[in-house]
């Protein structure tokens, strides 16, 4: 696929988070695990649908914007900003009612129009701190 097509797929994936319309997910990811590992990185279409549902439940007014996107060959890297109000449970933590802004950077690699690699870099601990959620280490 072309660089422009791959960038369009990233935009459509972002729209799935914004609207909750997960129709694009089955186009982007296989229903079968592909062997990738990584914390917070959905490995299957089912995983990504669950993640979208959970994030939208926690932040019903969720809005992702793509701040910058660069692409080369099959790889697309993008810097994003998420805004929303914490009105639903997040990782078993009750809603705080706080409005937040959170940013991160992802890179996806496509193969035959599907995501074959996904790398995510955001500071989830910072998001929790903005919500006033303090994790207590087990030990």
N, C-alpha and C. Protein backbone atom coordinates (compact mmCIF):
# COMPACT_ATOMS: atom_id res chain seq x y z
N UNK A 1 0.83 -1.18 0.00
CA UNK A 1 0.00 0.00 0.00
C UNK A 1 0.87 1.24 0.00
N UNK A 2 0.31 2.34 -0.39
CA UNK A 2 1.07 3.59 -0.46
C UNK A 2 1.19 4.24 0.92
N UNK A 3 2.14 5.14 1.03
CA UNK A 3 2.33 5.89 2.27
C UNK A 3 1.04 6.64 2.60
N UNK A 4 0.42 7.26 1.60
CA UNK A 4 -0.82 8.01 1.82
C UNK A 4 -1.93 7.08 2.33
N UNK A 5 -2.02 5.89 1.78
CA UNK A 5 -3.05 4.93 2.23
C UNK A 5 -2.81 4.50 3.67
N UNK A 6 -1.56 4.27 4.02
CA UNK A 6 -1.23 3.87 5.39
C UNK A 6 -1.56 5.00 6.38
N UNK A 7 -1.27 6.24 6.00
CA UNK A 7 -1.60 7.38 6.86
C UNK A 7 -3.12 7.49 7.02
N UNK A 8 -3.85 7.22 5.97
CA UNK A 8 -5.31 7.26 6.05
C UNK A 8 -5.83 6.19 7.00
N UNK A 9 -5.22 5.00 7.00
CA UNK A 9 -5.63 3.94 7.93
C UNK A 9 -5.40 4.37 9.38
N UNK A 10 -4.31 5.07 9.65
CA UNK A 10 -4.06 5.58 11.00
C UNK A 10 -5.14 6.58 11.39
N UNK A 11 -5.50 7.47 10.48
CA UNK A 11 -6.57 8.43 10.76
C UNK A 11 -7.88 7.72 11.06
N UNK A 12 -8.18 6.69 10.29
CA UNK A 12 -9.42 5.94 10.50
C UNK A 12 -9.39 5.20 11.85
N UNK A 13 -8.23 4.69 12.24
CA UNK A 13 -8.10 4.03 13.53
C UNK A 13 -8.34 5.04 14.65
N UNK A 14 -7.80 6.24 14.52
CA UNK A 14 -8.01 7.30 15.51
C UNK A 14 -9.48 7.65 15.59
N UNK A 15 -10.15 7.72 14.45
CA UNK A 15 -11.58 8.02 14.43
C UNK A 15 -12.38 6.95 15.18
N UNK A 16 -11.93 5.70 15.14
CA UNK A 16 -12.62 4.63 15.86
C UNK A 16 -12.62 4.92 17.36
N UNK A 17 -11.53 5.45 17.89
CA UNK A 17 -11.49 5.84 19.30
C UNK A 17 -12.44 7.01 19.56
N UNK A 18 -12.47 7.97 18.63
CA UNK A 18 -13.30 9.15 18.83
C UNK A 18 -14.79 8.87 18.74
N UNK A 19 -15.18 7.96 17.88
CA UNK A 19 -16.60 7.72 17.64
C UNK A 19 -17.12 6.45 18.29
N UNK A 20 -16.23 5.51 18.59
CA UNK A 20 -16.66 4.21 19.09
C UNK A 20 -17.06 3.26 17.98
N UNK A 21 -17.00 3.71 16.73
CA UNK A 21 -17.33 2.87 15.58
C UNK A 21 -16.11 2.01 15.28
N UNK A 22 -16.19 0.74 15.63
CA UNK A 22 -15.03 -0.14 15.53
C UNK A 22 -14.99 -0.95 14.22
N UNK A 23 -15.76 -0.55 13.23
CA UNK A 23 -15.80 -1.29 11.96
C UNK A 23 -14.42 -1.41 11.32
N UNK A 24 -13.59 -0.40 11.45
CA UNK A 24 -12.26 -0.39 10.84
C UNK A 24 -11.33 -1.40 11.51
N UNK A 25 -11.61 -1.76 12.74
CA UNK A 25 -10.70 -2.61 13.52
C UNK A 25 -10.46 -3.95 12.83
N UNK A 26 -11.50 -4.58 12.33
CA UNK A 26 -11.32 -5.88 11.66
C UNK A 26 -10.52 -5.76 10.38
N UNK A 27 -10.52 -4.57 9.79
CA UNK A 27 -9.70 -4.34 8.60
C UNK A 27 -8.23 -4.17 8.97
N UNK A 28 -7.97 -3.65 10.17
CA UNK A 28 -6.61 -3.29 10.56
C UNK A 28 -5.84 -4.39 11.27
N UNK A 29 -6.56 -5.23 12.01
CA UNK A 29 -5.88 -6.26 12.79
C UNK A 29 -6.53 -7.61 12.56
N UNK A 30 -5.74 -8.64 12.63
CA UNK A 30 -6.24 -9.99 12.52
C UNK A 30 -6.95 -10.38 13.82
N UNK A 31 -7.86 -11.33 13.73
CA UNK A 31 -8.52 -11.85 14.92
C UNK A 31 -7.60 -12.80 15.68
N UNK A 32 -6.52 -13.22 15.05
CA UNK A 32 -5.56 -14.16 15.66
C UNK A 32 -4.33 -13.41 16.15
N UNK A 33 -3.77 -13.80 17.30
CA UNK A 33 -2.53 -13.18 17.77
C UNK A 33 -1.41 -13.38 16.75
N UNK A 34 -0.56 -12.37 16.67
CA UNK A 34 0.54 -12.47 15.70
C UNK A 34 1.90 -12.63 16.35
N UNK A 35 1.92 -12.88 17.66
CA UNK A 35 3.19 -13.11 18.34
C UNK A 35 3.83 -11.87 18.90
N UNK A 36 3.28 -10.68 18.64
CA UNK A 36 3.86 -9.46 19.18
C UNK A 36 3.58 -9.36 20.67
N UNK A 37 4.47 -8.75 21.37
CA UNK A 37 4.28 -8.48 22.78
C UNK A 37 4.50 -7.00 23.02
N UNK A 38 3.98 -6.51 24.10
CA UNK A 38 4.18 -5.13 24.48
C UNK A 38 3.05 -4.68 25.36
N UNK A 39 3.36 -4.02 26.46
CA UNK A 39 2.31 -3.58 27.37
C UNK A 39 1.39 -2.57 26.70
N UNK A 40 0.09 -2.78 26.82
CA UNK A 40 -0.88 -1.83 26.29
C UNK A 40 -1.07 -1.86 24.80
N UNK A 41 -0.36 -2.74 24.09
CA UNK A 41 -0.47 -2.80 22.64
C UNK A 41 -1.43 -3.92 22.27
N UNK A 42 -2.59 -3.57 21.71
CA UNK A 42 -3.54 -4.62 21.31
C UNK A 42 -2.93 -5.55 20.26
N UNK A 43 -3.09 -6.86 20.48
CA UNK A 43 -2.50 -7.83 19.57
C UNK A 43 -3.50 -8.37 18.55
N UNK A 44 -4.78 -8.27 18.84
CA UNK A 44 -5.80 -8.79 17.94
C UNK A 44 -6.91 -7.76 17.77
N UNK A 45 -7.78 -7.98 16.79
CA UNK A 45 -8.92 -7.08 16.60
C UNK A 45 -9.80 -7.06 17.84
N UNK A 46 -9.95 -8.21 18.49
CA UNK A 46 -10.76 -8.27 19.71
C UNK A 46 -10.13 -7.43 20.81
N UNK A 47 -8.81 -7.51 20.96
CA UNK A 47 -8.09 -6.71 21.97
C UNK A 47 -8.31 -5.21 21.73
N UNK A 48 -8.19 -4.78 20.47
CA UNK A 48 -8.33 -3.36 20.16
C UNK A 48 -9.77 -2.90 20.39
N UNK A 49 -10.73 -3.71 20.03
CA UNK A 49 -12.13 -3.35 20.29
C UNK A 49 -12.39 -3.19 21.78
N UNK A 50 -11.83 -4.10 22.59
CA UNK A 50 -11.98 -3.99 24.04
C UNK A 50 -11.34 -2.71 24.57
N UNK A 51 -10.15 -2.40 24.05
CA UNK A 51 -9.45 -1.20 24.51
C UNK A 51 -10.26 0.05 24.16
N UNK A 52 -10.78 0.12 22.94
CA UNK A 52 -11.58 1.27 22.54
C UNK A 52 -12.80 1.39 23.44
N UNK A 53 -13.48 0.27 23.70
CA UNK A 53 -14.66 0.29 24.57
C UNK A 53 -14.33 0.76 25.98
N UNK A 54 -13.23 0.26 26.54
CA UNK A 54 -12.84 0.62 27.91
C UNK A 54 -12.45 2.09 28.02
N UNK A 55 -11.70 2.59 27.04
CA UNK A 55 -11.28 3.99 27.08
C UNK A 55 -12.48 4.90 26.90
N UNK A 56 -13.40 4.54 26.00
CA UNK A 56 -14.60 5.36 25.78
C UNK A 56 -15.54 5.31 27.00
N UNK A 57 -15.55 4.19 27.72
CA UNK A 57 -16.37 4.11 28.92
C UNK A 57 -15.79 5.01 30.01
N UNK A 58 -14.48 5.01 30.14
CA UNK A 58 -13.82 5.85 31.14
C UNK A 58 -13.91 7.33 30.78
N UNK A 59 -13.84 7.64 29.47
CA UNK A 59 -13.85 9.02 28.99
C UNK A 59 -14.90 9.14 27.87
N UNK A 60 -16.17 9.28 28.22
CA UNK A 60 -17.22 9.30 27.19
C UNK A 60 -17.08 10.44 26.18
N UNK A 61 -16.44 11.54 26.58
CA UNK A 61 -16.23 12.67 25.66
C UNK A 61 -14.83 12.63 25.04
N UNK A 62 -14.25 11.45 25.01
CA UNK A 62 -12.90 11.24 24.49
C UNK A 62 -12.70 11.89 23.12
N UNK A 63 -11.54 12.51 22.95
CA UNK A 63 -11.17 13.06 21.65
C UNK A 63 -9.67 12.90 21.47
N UNK A 64 -9.30 12.12 20.45
CA UNK A 64 -7.90 12.01 20.04
C UNK A 64 -7.68 12.91 18.85
N UNK A 65 -6.58 13.63 18.86
CA UNK A 65 -6.18 14.39 17.68
C UNK A 65 -4.78 13.93 17.31
N UNK A 66 -4.51 13.90 16.04
CA UNK A 66 -3.17 13.60 15.56
C UNK A 66 -2.47 14.93 15.37
N UNK A 67 -1.42 15.15 16.15
CA UNK A 67 -0.69 16.41 16.11
C UNK A 67 0.32 16.45 14.98
N UNK A 68 0.91 15.30 14.71
CA UNK A 68 1.92 15.22 13.64
C UNK A 68 2.02 13.76 13.22
N UNK A 69 2.22 13.57 11.92
CA UNK A 69 2.34 12.22 11.40
C UNK A 69 3.41 12.21 10.32
N UNK A 70 4.29 11.21 10.40
CA UNK A 70 5.30 11.01 9.37
C UNK A 70 5.26 9.55 8.95
N UNK A 71 5.57 9.33 7.69
CA UNK A 71 5.51 7.95 7.18
C UNK A 71 6.63 7.72 6.19
N UNK A 72 7.07 6.48 6.19
CA UNK A 72 8.07 6.03 5.23
C UNK A 72 7.81 4.57 4.96
N UNK A 73 7.73 4.23 3.69
CA UNK A 73 7.43 2.86 3.29
C UNK A 73 6.16 2.38 4.00
N UNK A 74 6.26 1.31 4.80
CA UNK A 74 5.09 0.75 5.47
C UNK A 74 4.90 1.26 6.90
N UNK A 75 5.80 2.13 7.38
CA UNK A 75 5.75 2.60 8.77
C UNK A 75 5.13 4.00 8.86
N UNK A 76 4.28 4.17 9.87
CA UNK A 76 3.67 5.48 10.14
C UNK A 76 3.87 5.77 11.62
N UNK A 77 4.49 6.91 11.91
CA UNK A 77 4.66 7.36 13.29
C UNK A 77 3.78 8.59 13.48
N UNK A 78 3.14 8.66 14.64
CA UNK A 78 2.27 9.81 14.87
C UNK A 78 2.26 10.21 16.34
N UNK A 79 2.26 11.50 16.55
CA UNK A 79 2.15 12.11 17.88
C UNK A 79 0.69 12.48 18.07
N UNK A 80 0.12 12.09 19.19
CA UNK A 80 -1.30 12.33 19.42
C UNK A 80 -1.52 13.01 20.76
N UNK A 81 -2.67 13.65 20.85
CA UNK A 81 -3.13 14.23 22.11
C UNK A 81 -4.54 13.72 22.36
N UNK A 82 -4.77 13.29 23.58
CA UNK A 82 -6.07 12.80 24.00
C UNK A 82 -6.64 13.78 25.02
N UNK A 83 -7.91 14.13 24.87
CA UNK A 83 -8.60 14.92 25.87
C UNK A 83 -9.88 14.18 26.26
N UNK A 84 -10.33 14.43 27.46
CA UNK A 84 -11.57 13.81 27.90
C UNK A 84 -11.79 14.05 29.38
N UNK A 85 -12.99 13.69 29.82
CA UNK A 85 -13.36 13.83 31.22
C UNK A 85 -13.57 12.43 31.79
N UNK A 86 -12.93 12.16 32.90
CA UNK A 86 -12.96 10.83 33.51
C UNK A 86 -14.30 10.62 34.22
N UNK A 87 -15.26 10.03 33.50
CA UNK A 87 -16.62 9.84 34.01
C UNK A 87 -17.01 8.38 34.19
N UNK A 88 -16.07 7.46 33.90
CA UNK A 88 -16.33 6.04 34.07
C UNK A 88 -15.13 5.36 34.68
N UNK A 89 -15.27 4.09 35.06
CA UNK A 89 -14.15 3.40 35.72
C UNK A 89 -12.95 3.25 34.78
N UNK A 90 -11.78 3.32 35.37
CA UNK A 90 -10.52 3.13 34.64
C UNK A 90 -9.66 2.20 35.47
N UNK A 91 -9.41 1.01 34.96
CA UNK A 91 -8.62 0.01 35.70
C UNK A 91 -9.15 -0.17 37.12
N UNK A 92 -10.42 -0.33 37.25
CA UNK A 92 -11.09 -0.53 38.54
C UNK A 92 -11.06 0.70 39.43
N UNK A 93 -10.60 1.84 38.92
CA UNK A 93 -10.62 3.08 39.71
C UNK A 93 -11.90 3.84 39.36
N UNK A 94 -12.62 4.32 40.36
CA UNK A 94 -13.87 5.03 40.09
C UNK A 94 -13.61 6.36 39.38
N UNK A 95 -14.63 6.89 38.72
CA UNK A 95 -14.48 8.16 38.02
C UNK A 95 -14.08 9.29 38.97
N UNK A 96 -13.23 10.18 38.47
CA UNK A 96 -12.80 11.33 39.27
C UNK A 96 -13.50 12.61 38.83
N UNK A 97 -14.08 12.61 37.64
CA UNK A 97 -14.71 13.82 37.11
C UNK A 97 -13.72 14.82 36.57
N UNK A 98 -12.44 14.47 36.56
CA UNK A 98 -11.41 15.40 36.10
C UNK A 98 -11.29 15.39 34.57
N UNK A 99 -11.13 16.59 34.02
CA UNK A 99 -10.83 16.73 32.59
C UNK A 99 -9.31 16.67 32.44
N UNK A 100 -8.86 15.93 31.45
CA UNK A 100 -7.42 15.75 31.26
C UNK A 100 -7.02 15.97 29.81
N UNK A 101 -5.74 16.20 29.65
CA UNK A 101 -5.09 16.20 28.33
C UNK A 101 -3.86 15.34 28.49
N UNK A 102 -3.67 14.41 27.56
CA UNK A 102 -2.58 13.44 27.66
C UNK A 102 -2.03 13.21 26.25
N UNK A 103 -0.72 13.06 26.14
CA UNK A 103 -0.10 12.90 24.82
C UNK A 103 0.78 11.66 24.76
N UNK A 104 1.04 11.20 23.56
CA UNK A 104 1.92 10.07 23.35
C UNK A 104 2.32 9.97 21.89
N UNK A 105 3.14 9.00 21.59
CA UNK A 105 3.59 8.77 20.23
C UNK A 105 3.48 7.28 19.94
N UNK A 106 2.92 6.95 18.80
CA UNK A 106 2.80 5.56 18.37
C UNK A 106 3.47 5.42 17.01
N UNK A 107 3.88 4.20 16.73
CA UNK A 107 4.34 3.86 15.39
C UNK A 107 3.70 2.53 15.03
N UNK A 108 3.12 2.49 13.85
CA UNK A 108 2.56 1.25 13.35
C UNK A 108 3.24 0.90 12.04
N UNK A 109 3.39 -0.38 11.80
CA UNK A 109 3.97 -0.88 10.56
C UNK A 109 2.90 -1.74 9.91
N UNK A 110 2.64 -1.48 8.64
CA UNK A 110 1.62 -2.20 7.90
C UNK A 110 2.24 -3.26 7.01
N UNK A 111 1.51 -4.31 6.80
CA UNK A 111 1.84 -5.35 5.84
C UNK A 111 0.55 -5.77 5.17
N UNK A 112 0.44 -5.61 3.89
CA UNK A 112 -0.78 -5.93 3.16
C UNK A 112 -2.01 -5.22 3.74
N UNK A 113 -1.83 -3.96 4.15
CA UNK A 113 -2.94 -3.17 4.63
C UNK A 113 -3.37 -3.44 6.06
N UNK A 114 -2.63 -4.28 6.77
CA UNK A 114 -2.95 -4.59 8.18
C UNK A 114 -1.77 -4.20 9.06
N UNK A 115 -2.08 -3.90 10.30
CA UNK A 115 -1.02 -3.59 11.26
C UNK A 115 -0.29 -4.88 11.61
N UNK A 116 1.02 -4.90 11.39
CA UNK A 116 1.82 -6.07 11.74
C UNK A 116 2.77 -5.79 12.91
N UNK A 117 2.99 -4.50 13.19
CA UNK A 117 3.77 -4.10 14.36
C UNK A 117 3.16 -2.82 14.90
N UNK A 118 3.20 -2.66 16.22
CA UNK A 118 2.67 -1.46 16.86
C UNK A 118 3.52 -1.17 18.08
N UNK A 119 4.07 0.02 18.12
CA UNK A 119 4.87 0.47 19.25
C UNK A 119 4.19 1.70 19.83
N UNK A 120 4.01 1.73 21.14
CA UNK A 120 3.35 2.85 21.80
C UNK A 120 4.26 3.43 22.87
N UNK A 121 4.33 4.76 22.91
CA UNK A 121 5.13 5.44 23.92
C UNK A 121 4.31 6.58 24.51
N UNK A 122 3.73 6.31 25.66
CA UNK A 122 3.09 7.37 26.41
C UNK A 122 3.29 7.05 27.88
N UNK A 123 3.18 8.06 28.69
CA UNK A 123 3.43 7.88 30.11
C UNK A 123 2.10 7.68 30.83
N UNK A 124 1.67 6.41 30.94
CA UNK A 124 0.38 6.11 31.55
C UNK A 124 0.36 6.55 33.01
N UNK A 125 1.50 6.48 33.67
CA UNK A 125 1.59 6.95 35.05
C UNK A 125 1.27 8.44 35.16
N UNK A 126 1.67 9.21 34.16
CA UNK A 126 1.36 10.63 34.13
C UNK A 126 -0.15 10.84 33.99
N UNK A 127 -0.79 10.03 33.14
CA UNK A 127 -2.25 10.12 32.99
C UNK A 127 -2.93 9.85 34.33
N UNK A 128 -2.51 8.79 35.01
CA UNK A 128 -3.09 8.47 36.31
C UNK A 128 -2.87 9.59 37.31
N UNK A 129 -1.69 10.19 37.30
CA UNK A 129 -1.39 11.30 38.22
C UNK A 129 -2.31 12.49 37.93
N UNK A 130 -2.57 12.76 36.66
CA UNK A 130 -3.48 13.86 36.30
C UNK A 130 -4.88 13.61 36.84
N UNK A 131 -5.23 12.33 36.95
CA UNK A 131 -6.54 11.97 37.48
C UNK A 131 -6.55 11.86 38.99
N UNK A 132 -5.37 12.00 39.62
CA UNK A 132 -5.27 11.88 41.07
C UNK A 132 -5.27 10.44 41.55
N UNK A 133 -4.98 9.51 40.64
CA UNK A 133 -4.94 8.10 40.99
C UNK A 133 -3.50 7.72 41.32
N UNK A 134 -3.30 7.18 42.51
CA UNK A 134 -1.98 6.78 42.96
C UNK A 134 -1.96 5.25 43.02
N UNK A 135 -1.06 4.65 42.29
CA UNK A 135 -0.92 3.19 42.34
C UNK A 135 -0.03 2.82 43.50
N UNK A 136 -0.46 1.84 44.24
CA UNK A 136 0.31 1.35 45.38
C UNK A 136 0.98 0.05 44.93
N UNK A 137 2.32 0.00 44.99
CA UNK A 137 3.01 -1.22 44.56
C UNK A 137 2.68 -2.38 45.48
N UNK A 138 2.55 -3.54 44.88
CA UNK A 138 2.35 -4.76 45.67
C UNK A 138 3.70 -5.27 46.16
N UNK A 139 3.74 -5.78 47.32
CA UNK A 139 5.01 -6.30 47.75
C UNK A 139 5.03 -6.80 49.14
